[in-house]
Amino acid sequence: MQKKIFITLLLGIVLLFAGCTPETKTEPLPSWHEGEAKQSIMDFVDQVTRRSSPDFVPAAERVAVFDNDGTLWSEQLRRVPIVEAHCG
C-alpha cells in the first residue's frame, strides 16, 4: 500500500514539473519594425512599470484600451460590433 502511495506521489510530482519550462526572454513587439514609434512605446512602458521611475503607475491603476485597426469602434460608420453580436 505504501509503495502505491509513493508511486502515485512521485508520478504527480513528475507531471507537475513536466510542464515547467525555463523562462526565456522574447522580443517585445516582434512584428514591429525597429524605429521611433516602437522605441517610444517601449520607453513609455519602462517608465510607468519601473518602481524607481518618477512616472511609475501601480498595476491596479493601469488601464489599457485596444482596438482593431487604429480607429475607435464608435468611429465606424456601422453599428458597434458588440451591439451586433447581441442584437444581430
PDB file of N, CA and C in Angstrom:
ATOM      1  N   MET A   1       0.821  -1.186   0.000  1.00  0.00           N
ATOM      2  CA  MET A   1       0.000   0.000   0.000  1.00  0.00           C
ATOM      3  C   MET A   1       0.867   1.252   0.000  1.00  0.00           C
ATOM      4  N   GLN A   2       1.920   1.276   0.833  1.00  0.00           N
ATOM      5  CA  GLN A   2       2.795   2.438   0.895  1.00  0.00           C
ATOM      6  C   GLN A   2       3.532   2.638  -0.430  1.00  0.00           C
ATOM      7  N   LYS A   3       3.872   1.545  -1.084  1.00  0.00           N
ATOM      8  CA  LYS A   3       4.567   1.636  -2.373  1.00  0.00           C
ATOM      9  C   LYS A   3       3.644   2.283  -3.406  1.00  0.00           C
ATOM     10  N   LYS A   4       2.355   1.951  -3.368  1.00  0.00           N
ATOM     11  CA  LYS A   4       1.380   2.527  -4.290  1.00  0.00           C
ATOM     12  C   LYS A   4       1.249   4.036  -4.059  1.00  0.00           C
ATOM     13  N   ILE A   5       1.203   4.459  -2.813  1.00  0.00           N
ATOM     14  CA  ILE A   5       1.104   5.876  -2.482  1.00  0.00           C
ATOM     15  C   ILE A   5       2.367   6.608  -2.939  1.00  0.00           C
ATOM     16  N   PHE A   6       3.523   6.002  -2.689  1.00  0.00           N
ATOM     17  CA  PHE A   6       4.786   6.608  -3.092  1.00  0.00           C
ATOM     18  C   PHE A   6       4.840   6.784  -4.607  1.00  0.00           C
ATOM     19  N   ILE A   7       4.462   5.772  -5.351  1.00  0.00           N
ATOM     20  CA  ILE A   7       4.477   5.844  -6.818  1.00  0.00           C
ATOM     21  C   ILE A   7       3.491   6.909  -7.307  1.00  0.00           C
ATOM     22  N   THR A   8       2.326   6.988  -6.689  1.00  0.00           N
ATOM     23  CA  THR A   8       1.332   7.992  -7.076  1.00  0.00           C
ATOM     24  C   THR A   8       1.865   9.404  -6.821  1.00  0.00           C
ATOM     25  N   LEU A   9       2.469   9.615  -5.659  1.00  0.00           N
ATOM     26  CA  LEU A   9       3.046  10.926  -5.353  1.00  0.00           C
ATOM     27  C   LEU A   9       4.194  11.269  -6.290  1.00  0.00           C
ATOM     28  N   LEU A  10       5.046  10.297  -6.562  1.00  0.00           N
ATOM     29  CA  LEU A  10       6.171  10.518  -7.468  1.00  0.00           C
ATOM     30  C   LEU A  10       5.675  10.864  -8.864  1.00  0.00           C
ATOM     31  N   LEU A  11       4.681  10.147  -9.326  1.00  0.00           N
ATOM     32  CA  LEU A  11       4.102  10.422 -10.640  1.00  0.00           C
ATOM     33  C   LEU A  11       3.488  11.823 -10.675  1.00  0.00           C
ATOM     34  N   GLY A  12       2.809  12.207  -9.601  1.00  0.00           N
ATOM     35  CA  GLY A  12       2.221  13.546  -9.520  1.00  0.00           C
ATOM     36  C   GLY A  12       3.275  14.638  -9.588  1.00  0.00           C
ATOM     37  N   ILE A  13       4.380  14.443  -8.881  1.00  0.00           N
ATOM     38  CA  ILE A  13       5.465  15.427  -8.897  1.00  0.00           C
ATOM     39  C   ILE A  13       6.088  15.513 -10.281  1.00  0.00           C
ATOM     40  N   VAL A  14       6.313  14.381 -10.908  1.00  0.00           N
ATOM     41  CA  VAL A  14       6.880  14.376 -12.259  1.00  0.00           C
ATOM     42  C   VAL A  14       5.959  15.106 -13.230  1.00  0.00           C
ATOM     43  N   LEU A  15       4.662  14.832 -13.162  1.00  0.00           N
ATOM     44  CA  LEU A  15       3.714  15.501 -14.055  1.00  0.00           C
ATOM     45  C   LEU A  15       3.627  16.990 -13.762  1.00  0.00           C
ATOM     46  N   LEU A  16       3.750  17.357 -12.507  1.00  0.00           N
ATOM     47  CA  LEU A  16       3.706  18.762 -12.128  1.00  0.00           C
ATOM     48  C   LEU A  16       4.854  19.534 -12.766  1.00  0.00           C
ATOM     49  N   PHE A  17       6.044  18.974 -12.708  1.00  0.00           N
ATOM     50  CA  PHE A  17       7.218  19.662 -13.241  1.00  0.00           C
ATOM     51  C   PHE A  17       7.440  19.417 -14.728  1.00  0.00           C
ATOM     52  N   ALA A  18       6.734  18.485 -15.315  1.00  0.00           N
ATOM     53  CA  ALA A  18       6.901  18.210 -16.739  1.00  0.00           C
ATOM     54  C   ALA A  18       6.476  19.402 -17.592  1.00  0.00           C
ATOM     55  N   GLY A  19       5.499  20.169 -17.123  1.00  0.00           N
ATOM     56  CA  GLY A  19       5.030  21.324 -17.879  1.00  0.00           C
ATOM     57  C   GLY A  19       5.854  22.571 -17.647  1.00  0.00           C
ATOM     58  N   CYS A  20       6.784  22.539 -16.709  1.00  0.00           N
ATOM     59  CA  CYS A  20       7.599  23.717 -16.413  1.00  0.00           C
ATOM     60  C   CYS A  20       8.710  23.846 -17.442  1.00  0.00           C
ATOM     61  N   THR A  21       8.834  25.040 -17.969  1.00  0.00           N
ATOM     62  CA  THR A  21       9.915  25.312 -18.912  1.00  0.00           C
ATOM     63  C   THR A  21      10.700  26.500 -18.386  1.00  0.00           C
ATOM     64  N   PRO A  22      11.979  26.560 -18.704  1.00  0.00           N
ATOM     65  CA  PRO A  22      12.755  27.703 -18.230  1.00  0.00           C
ATOM     66  C   PRO A  22      12.242  28.988 -18.874  1.00  0.00           C
ATOM     67  N   GLU A  23      12.306  30.070 -18.115  1.00  0.00           N
ATOM     68  CA  GLU A  23      11.835  31.353 -18.620  1.00  0.00           C
ATOM     69  C   GLU A  23      12.778  31.841 -19.718  1.00  0.00           C
ATOM     70  N   THR A  24      12.206  32.188 -20.833  1.00  0.00           N
ATOM     71  CA  THR A  24      13.015  32.722 -21.920  1.00  0.00           C
ATOM     72  C   THR A  24      12.539  34.133 -22.217  1.00  0.00           C
ATOM     73  N   LYS A  25      13.473  34.984 -22.529  1.00  0.00           N
ATOM     74  CA  LYS A  25      13.133  36.369 -22.839  1.00  0.00           C
ATOM     75  C   LYS A  25      12.801  36.450 -24.320  1.00  0.00           C
ATOM     76  N   THR A  26      11.618  36.961 -24.618  1.00  0.00           N
ATOM     77  CA  THR A  26      11.210  37.105 -26.001  1.00  0.00           C
ATOM     78  C   THR A  26      11.277  38.562 -26.411  1.00  0.00           C
ATOM     79  N   GLU A  27      11.372  38.790 -27.682  1.00  0.00           N
ATOM     80  CA  GLU A  27      11.415  40.142 -28.230  1.00  0.00           C
ATOM     81  C   GLU A  27      10.057  40.804 -28.059  1.00  0.00           C
ATOM     82  N   PRO A  28       9.993  41.948 -27.367  1.00  0.00           N
ATOM     83  CA  PRO A  28       8.711  42.635 -27.250  1.00  0.00           C
ATOM     84  C   PRO A  28       8.316  43.231 -28.597  1.00  0.00           C
ATOM     85  N   LEU A  29       7.049  43.174 -28.904  1.00  0.00           N
ATOM     86  CA  LEU A  29       6.509  43.686 -30.171  1.00  0.00           C
ATOM     87  C   LEU A  29       7.273  43.115 -31.370  1.00  0.00           C
ATOM     88  N   PRO A  30       7.327  41.799 -31.507  1.00  0.00           N
ATOM     89  CA  PRO A  30       8.148  41.180 -32.547  1.00  0.00           C
ATOM     90  C   PRO A  30       7.721  41.520 -33.976  1.00  0.00           C
ATOM     91  N   SER A  31       6.469  41.889 -34.186  1.00  0.00           N
ATOM     92  CA  SER A  31       6.034  42.184 -35.549  1.00  0.00           C
ATOM     93  C   SER A  31       6.285  43.648 -35.936  1.00  0.00           C
ATOM     94  N   TRP A  32       6.767  44.456 -34.994  1.00  0.00           N
ATOM     95  CA  TRP A  32       7.033  45.865 -35.272  1.00  0.00           C
ATOM     96  C   TRP A  32       8.446  46.025 -35.812  1.00  0.00           C
ATOM     97  N   HIS A  33       8.603  46.930 -36.766  1.00  0.00           N
ATOM     98  CA  HIS A  33       9.940  47.279 -37.262  1.00  0.00           C
ATOM     99  C   HIS A  33      10.604  48.177 -36.231  1.00  0.00           C
ATOM    100  N   GLU A  34      11.931  48.073 -36.137  1.00  0.00           N
ATOM    101  CA  GLU A  34      12.663  48.961 -35.236  1.00  0.00           C
ATOM    102  C   GLU A  34      12.482  50.387 -35.733  1.00  0.00           C
ATOM    103  N   GLY A  35      12.218  51.288 -34.825  1.00  0.00           N
ATOM    104  CA  GLY A  35      12.046  52.676 -35.219  1.00  0.00           C
ATOM    105  C   GLY A  35      11.592  53.524 -34.055  1.00  0.00           C
ATOM    106  N   GLU A  36      11.287  54.777 -34.344  1.00  0.00           N
ATOM    107  CA  GLU A  36      10.927  55.735 -33.303  1.00  0.00           C
ATOM    108  C   GLU A  36       9.633  55.351 -32.581  1.00  0.00           C
ATOM    109  N   ALA A  37       8.625  54.891 -33.318  1.00  0.00           N
ATOM    110  CA  ALA A  37       7.341  54.534 -32.701  1.00  0.00           C
ATOM    111  C   ALA A  37       7.511  53.377 -31.713  1.00  0.00           C
ATOM    112  N   LYS A  38       8.197  52.327 -32.141  1.00  0.00           N
ATOM    113  CA  LYS A  38       8.402  51.170 -31.265  1.00  0.00           C
ATOM    114  C   LYS A  38       9.212  51.577 -30.042  1.00  0.00           C
ATOM    115  N   GLN A  39      10.269  52.362 -30.244  1.00  0.00           N
ATOM    116  CA  GLN A  39      11.113  52.764 -29.131  1.00  0.00           C
ATOM    117  C   GLN A  39      10.346  53.654 -28.154  1.00  0.00           C
ATOM    118  N   SER A  40       9.482  54.518 -28.666  1.00  0.00           N
ATOM    119  CA  SER A  40       8.677  55.388 -27.792  1.00  0.00           C
ATOM    120  C   SER A  40       7.758  54.565 -26.904  1.00  0.00           C
ATOM    121  N   ILE A  41       7.131  53.561 -27.490  1.00  0.00           N
ATOM    122  CA  ILE A  41       6.241  52.701 -26.708  1.00  0.00           C
ATOM    123  C   ILE A  41       7.034  51.929 -25.653  1.00  0.00           C
ATOM    124  N   MET A  42       8.170  51.385 -26.054  1.00  0.00           N
ATOM    125  CA  MET A  42       8.993  50.625 -25.111  1.00  0.00           C
ATOM    126  C   MET A  42       9.475  51.524 -23.958  1.00  0.00           C
ATOM    127  N   ASP A  43       9.868  52.766 -24.288  1.00  0.00           N
ATOM    128  CA  ASP A  43      10.318  53.696 -23.250  1.00  0.00           C
ATOM    129  C   ASP A  43       9.175  54.049 -22.297  1.00  0.00           C
ATOM    130  N   PHE A  44       7.991  54.288 -22.849  1.00  0.00           N
ATOM    131  CA  PHE A  44       6.835  54.623 -22.021  1.00  0.00           C
ATOM    132  C   PHE A  44       6.503  53.479 -21.055  1.00  0.00           C
ATOM    133  N   VAL A  45       6.446  52.264 -21.578  1.00  0.00           N
ATOM    134  CA  VAL A  45       6.128  51.103 -20.737  1.00  0.00           C
ATOM    135  C   VAL A  45       7.176  50.949 -19.639  1.00  0.00           C
ATOM    136  N   ASP A  46       8.445  51.152 -19.994  1.00  0.00           N
ATOM    137  CA  ASP A  46       9.511  51.058 -18.996  1.00  0.00           C
ATOM    138  C   ASP A  46       9.326  52.110 -17.903  1.00  0.00           C
ATOM    139  N   GLN A  47       8.985  53.344 -18.289  1.00  0.00           N
ATOM    140  CA  GLN A  47       8.830  54.423 -17.319  1.00  0.00           C
ATOM    141  C   GLN A  47       7.677  54.185 -16.349  1.00  0.00           C
ATOM    142  N   VAL A  48       6.573  53.665 -16.837  1.00  0.00           N
ATOM    143  CA  VAL A  48       5.402  53.507 -15.966  1.00  0.00           C
ATOM    144  C   VAL A  48       5.383  52.189 -15.198  1.00  0.00           C
ATOM    145  N   THR A  49       6.268  51.246 -15.552  1.00  0.00           N
ATOM    146  CA  THR A  49       6.284  49.958 -14.847  1.00  0.00           C
ATOM    147  C   THR A  49       7.492  49.775 -13.938  1.00  0.00           C
ATOM    148  N   ARG A  50       8.493  50.622 -14.068  1.00  0.00           N
ATOM    149  CA  ARG A  50       9.688  50.525 -13.217  1.00  0.00           C
ATOM    150  C   ARG A  50       9.436  51.269 -11.918  1.00  0.00           C
ATOM    151  N   ARG A  51       9.509  50.562 -10.788  1.00  0.00           N
ATOM    152  CA  ARG A  51       9.183  51.147  -9.482  1.00  0.00           C
ATOM    153  C   ARG A  51      10.037  52.361  -9.138  1.00  0.00           C
ATOM    154  N   SER A  52      11.269  52.412  -9.595  1.00  0.00           N
ATOM    155  CA  SER A  52      12.149  53.531  -9.254  1.00  0.00           C
ATOM    156  C   SER A  52      11.895  54.762 -10.117  1.00  0.00           C
ATOM    157  N   SER A  53      11.028  54.656 -11.105  1.00  0.00           N
ATOM    158  CA  SER A  53      10.742  55.772 -12.004  1.00  0.00           C
ATOM    159  C   SER A  53       9.776  56.763 -11.345  1.00  0.00           C
ATOM    160  N   PRO A  54       9.976  58.061 -11.581  1.00  0.00           N
ATOM    161  CA  PRO A  54       9.021  59.041 -11.040  1.00  0.00           C
ATOM    162  C   PRO A  54       7.654  58.948 -11.725  1.00  0.00           C
ATOM    163  N   ASP A  55       7.587  58.301 -12.879  1.00  0.00           N
ATOM    164  CA  ASP A  55       6.333  58.143 -13.620  1.00  0.00           C
ATOM    165  C   ASP A  55       5.655  56.803 -13.350  1.00  0.00           C
ATOM    166  N   PHE A  56       6.129  56.049 -12.349  1.00  0.00           N
ATOM    167  CA  PHE A  56       5.598  54.719 -12.050  1.00  0.00           C
ATOM    168  C   PHE A  56       4.094  54.782 -11.776  1.00  0.00           C
ATOM    169  N   VAL A  57       3.367  53.824 -12.366  1.00  0.00           N
ATOM    170  CA  VAL A  57       1.924  53.694 -12.145  1.00  0.00           C
ATOM    171  C   VAL A  57       1.676  52.307 -11.556  1.00  0.00           C
ATOM    172  N   PRO A  58       1.087  52.218 -10.365  1.00  0.00           N
ATOM    173  CA  PRO A  58       0.814  50.903  -9.773  1.00  0.00           C
ATOM    174  C   PRO A  58      -0.090  50.064 -10.689  1.00  0.00           C
ATOM    175  N   ALA A  59       0.109  48.771 -10.682  1.00  0.00           N
ATOM    176  CA  ALA A  59      -0.632  47.867 -11.581  1.00  0.00           C
ATOM    177  C   ALA A  59      -2.142  48.038 -11.451  1.00  0.00           C
ATOM    178  N   ALA A  60      -2.635  48.274 -10.261  1.00  0.00           N
ATOM    179  CA  ALA A  60      -4.083  48.409 -10.055  1.00  0.00           C
ATOM    180  C   ALA A  60      -4.650  49.659 -10.733  1.00  0.00           C
ATOM    181  N   GLU A  61      -3.789  50.624 -11.026  1.00  0.00           N
ATOM    182  CA  GLU A  61      -4.244  51.873 -11.644  1.00  0.00           C
ATOM    183  C   GLU A  61      -4.001  51.920 -13.150  1.00  0.00           C
ATOM    184  N   ARG A  62      -3.422  50.880 -13.709  1.00  0.00           N
ATOM    185  CA  ARG A  62      -3.127  50.866 -15.144  1.00  0.00           C
ATOM    186  C   ARG A  62      -4.356  50.444 -15.933  1.00  0.00           C
ATOM    187  N   VAL A  63      -4.597  51.118 -17.040  1.00  0.00           N
ATOM    188  CA  VAL A  63      -5.718  50.805 -17.910  1.00  0.00           C
ATOM    189  C   VAL A  63      -5.181  50.748 -19.340  1.00  0.00           C
ATOM    190  N   ALA A  64      -5.558  49.737 -20.071  1.00  0.00           N
ATOM    191  CA  ALA A  64      -5.149  49.620 -21.470  1.00  0.00           C
ATOM    192  C   ALA A  64      -6.392  49.490 -22.330  1.00  0.00           C
ATOM    193  N   VAL A  65      -6.391  50.168 -23.468  1.00  0.00           N
ATOM    194  CA  VAL A  65      -7.512  50.120 -24.395  1.00  0.00           C
ATOM    195  C   VAL A  65      -6.976  49.625 -25.730  1.00  0.00           C
ATOM    196  N   PHE A  66      -7.617  48.626 -26.287  1.00  0.00           N
ATOM    197  CA  PHE A  66      -7.185  48.063 -27.557  1.00  0.00           C
ATOM    198  C   PHE A  66      -8.287  48.214 -28.589  1.00  0.00           C
ATOM    199  N   ASP A  67      -7.885  48.399 -29.829  1.00  0.00           N
ATOM    200  CA  ASP A  67      -8.857  48.455 -30.916  1.00  0.00           C
ATOM    201  C   ASP A  67      -8.369  47.557 -32.050  1.00  0.00           C
ATOM    202  N   ASN A  68      -9.095  47.538 -33.146  1.00  0.00           N
ATOM    203  CA  ASN A  68      -8.760  46.634 -34.244  1.00  0.00           C
ATOM    204  C   ASN A  68      -7.757  47.211 -35.229  1.00  0.00           C
ATOM    205  N   ASP A  69      -7.948  48.460 -35.612  1.00  0.00           N
ATOM    206  CA  ASP A  69      -7.142  48.979 -36.719  1.00  0.00           C
ATOM    207  C   ASP A  69      -6.700  50.422 -36.558  1.00  0.00           C
ATOM    208  N   GLY A  70      -6.704  50.929 -35.363  1.00  0.00           N
ATOM    209  CA  GLY A  70      -6.273  52.294 -35.139  1.00  0.00           C
ATOM    210  C   GLY A  70      -7.422  53.276 -35.015  1.00  0.00           C
ATOM    211  N   THR A  71      -8.633  52.822 -35.222  1.00  0.00           N
ATOM    212  CA  THR A  71      -9.794  53.696 -35.032  1.00  0.00           C
ATOM    213  C   THR A  71     -10.640  53.126 -33.912  1.00  0.00           C
ATOM    214  N   LEU A  72     -11.387  53.988 -33.283  1.00  0.00           N
ATOM    215  CA  LEU A  72     -12.290  53.516 -32.242  1.00  0.00           C
ATOM    216  C   LEU A  72     -13.514  52.890 -32.893  1.00  0.00           C
ATOM    217  N   TRP A  73     -14.089  51.885 -32.284  1.00  0.00           N
ATOM    218  CA  TRP A  73     -15.273  51.251 -32.864  1.00  0.00           C
ATOM    219  C   TRP A  73     -16.406  52.254 -33.028  1.00  0.00           C
ATOM    220  N   SER A  74     -16.489  53.212 -32.116  1.00  0.00           N
ATOM    221  CA  SER A  74     -17.569  54.194 -32.213  1.00  0.00           C
ATOM    222  C   SER A  74     -17.372  55.140 -33.392  1.00  0.00           C
ATOM    223  N   GLU A  75     -16.183  55.154 -34.017  1.00  0.00           N
ATOM    224  CA  GLU A  75     -15.930  55.992 -35.183  1.00  0.00           C
ATOM    225  C   GLU A  75     -16.359  55.313 -36.478  1.00  0.00           C
ATOM    226  N   GLN A  76     -16.711  54.057 -36.405  1.00  0.00           N
ATOM    227  CA  GLN A  76     -17.112  53.320 -37.596  1.00  0.00           C
ATOM    228  C   GLN A  76     -18.470  53.804 -38.092  1.00  0.00           C
ATOM    229  N   LEU A  77     -18.716  53.664 -39.382  1.00  0.00           N
ATOM    230  CA  LEU A  77     -19.984  54.088 -39.952  1.00  0.00           C
ATOM    231  C   LEU A  77     -21.102  53.092 -39.679  1.00  0.00           C
ATOM    232  N   ARG A  78     -20.767  51.930 -39.179  1.00  0.00           N
ATOM    233  CA  ARG A  78     -21.788  50.935 -38.872  1.00  0.00           C
ATOM    234  C   ARG A  78     -21.911  50.783 -37.364  1.00  0.00           C
ATOM    235  N   ARG A  79     -22.870  49.985 -36.941  1.00  0.00           N
ATOM    236  CA  ARG A  79     -23.060  49.776 -35.507  1.00  0.00           C
ATOM    237  C   ARG A  79     -21.821  49.153 -34.880  1.00  0.00           C
ATOM    238  N   VAL A  80     -21.659  49.396 -33.618  1.00  0.00           N
ATOM    239  CA  VAL A  80     -20.538  48.825 -32.889  1.00  0.00           C
ATOM    240  C   VAL A  80     -20.670  47.305 -32.917  1.00  0.00           C
ATOM    241  N   PRO A  81     -19.583  46.544 -33.228  1.00  0.00           N
ATOM    242  CA  PRO A  81     -19.661  45.077 -33.340  1.00  0.00           C
ATOM    243  C   PRO A  81     -20.252  44.379 -32.127  1.00  0.00           C
ATOM    244  N   ILE A  82     -20.037  44.900 -30.928  1.00  0.00           N
ATOM    245  CA  ILE A  82     -20.589  44.255 -29.733  1.00  0.00           C
ATOM    246  C   ILE A  82     -22.109  44.288 -29.783  1.00  0.00           C
ATOM    247  N   VAL A  83     -22.667  45.395 -30.239  1.00  0.00           N
ATOM    248  CA  VAL A  83     -24.108  45.510 -30.344  1.00  0.00           C
ATOM    249  C   VAL A  83     -24.624  44.500 -31.370  1.00  0.00           C
ATOM    250  N   GLU A  84     -23.885  44.357 -32.480  1.00  0.00           N
ATOM    251  CA  GLU A  84     -24.290  43.379 -33.498  1.00  0.00           C
ATOM    252  C   GLU A  84     -24.302  41.965 -32.945  1.00  0.00           C
ATOM    253  N   ALA A  85     -23.332  41.649 -32.103  1.00  0.00           N
ATOM    254  CA  ALA A  85     -23.254  40.302 -31.552  1.00  0.00           C
ATOM    255  C   ALA A  85     -24.462  39.993 -30.674  1.00  0.00           C
ATOM    256  N   HIS A  86     -24.968  40.980 -29.956  1.00  0.00           N
ATOM    257  CA  HIS A  86     -26.086  40.769 -29.059  1.00  0.00           C
ATOM    258  C   HIS A  86     -27.433  40.949 -29.738  1.00  0.00           C
ATOM    259  N   CYS A  87     -27.498  41.824 -30.724  1.00  0.00           N
ATOM    260  CA  CYS A  87     -28.791  42.161 -31.344  1.00  0.00           C
ATOM    261  C   CYS A  87     -28.944  41.555 -32.728  1.00  0.00           C
ATOM    262  N   GLY A  88     -27.844  41.208 -33.377  1.00  0.00           N
ATOM    263  CA  GLY A  88     -27.916  40.779 -34.777  1.00  0.00           C
ATOM    264  C   GLY A  88     -28.190  39.380 -34.923  1.00  0.00           C
TER     265      GLY A  88
END
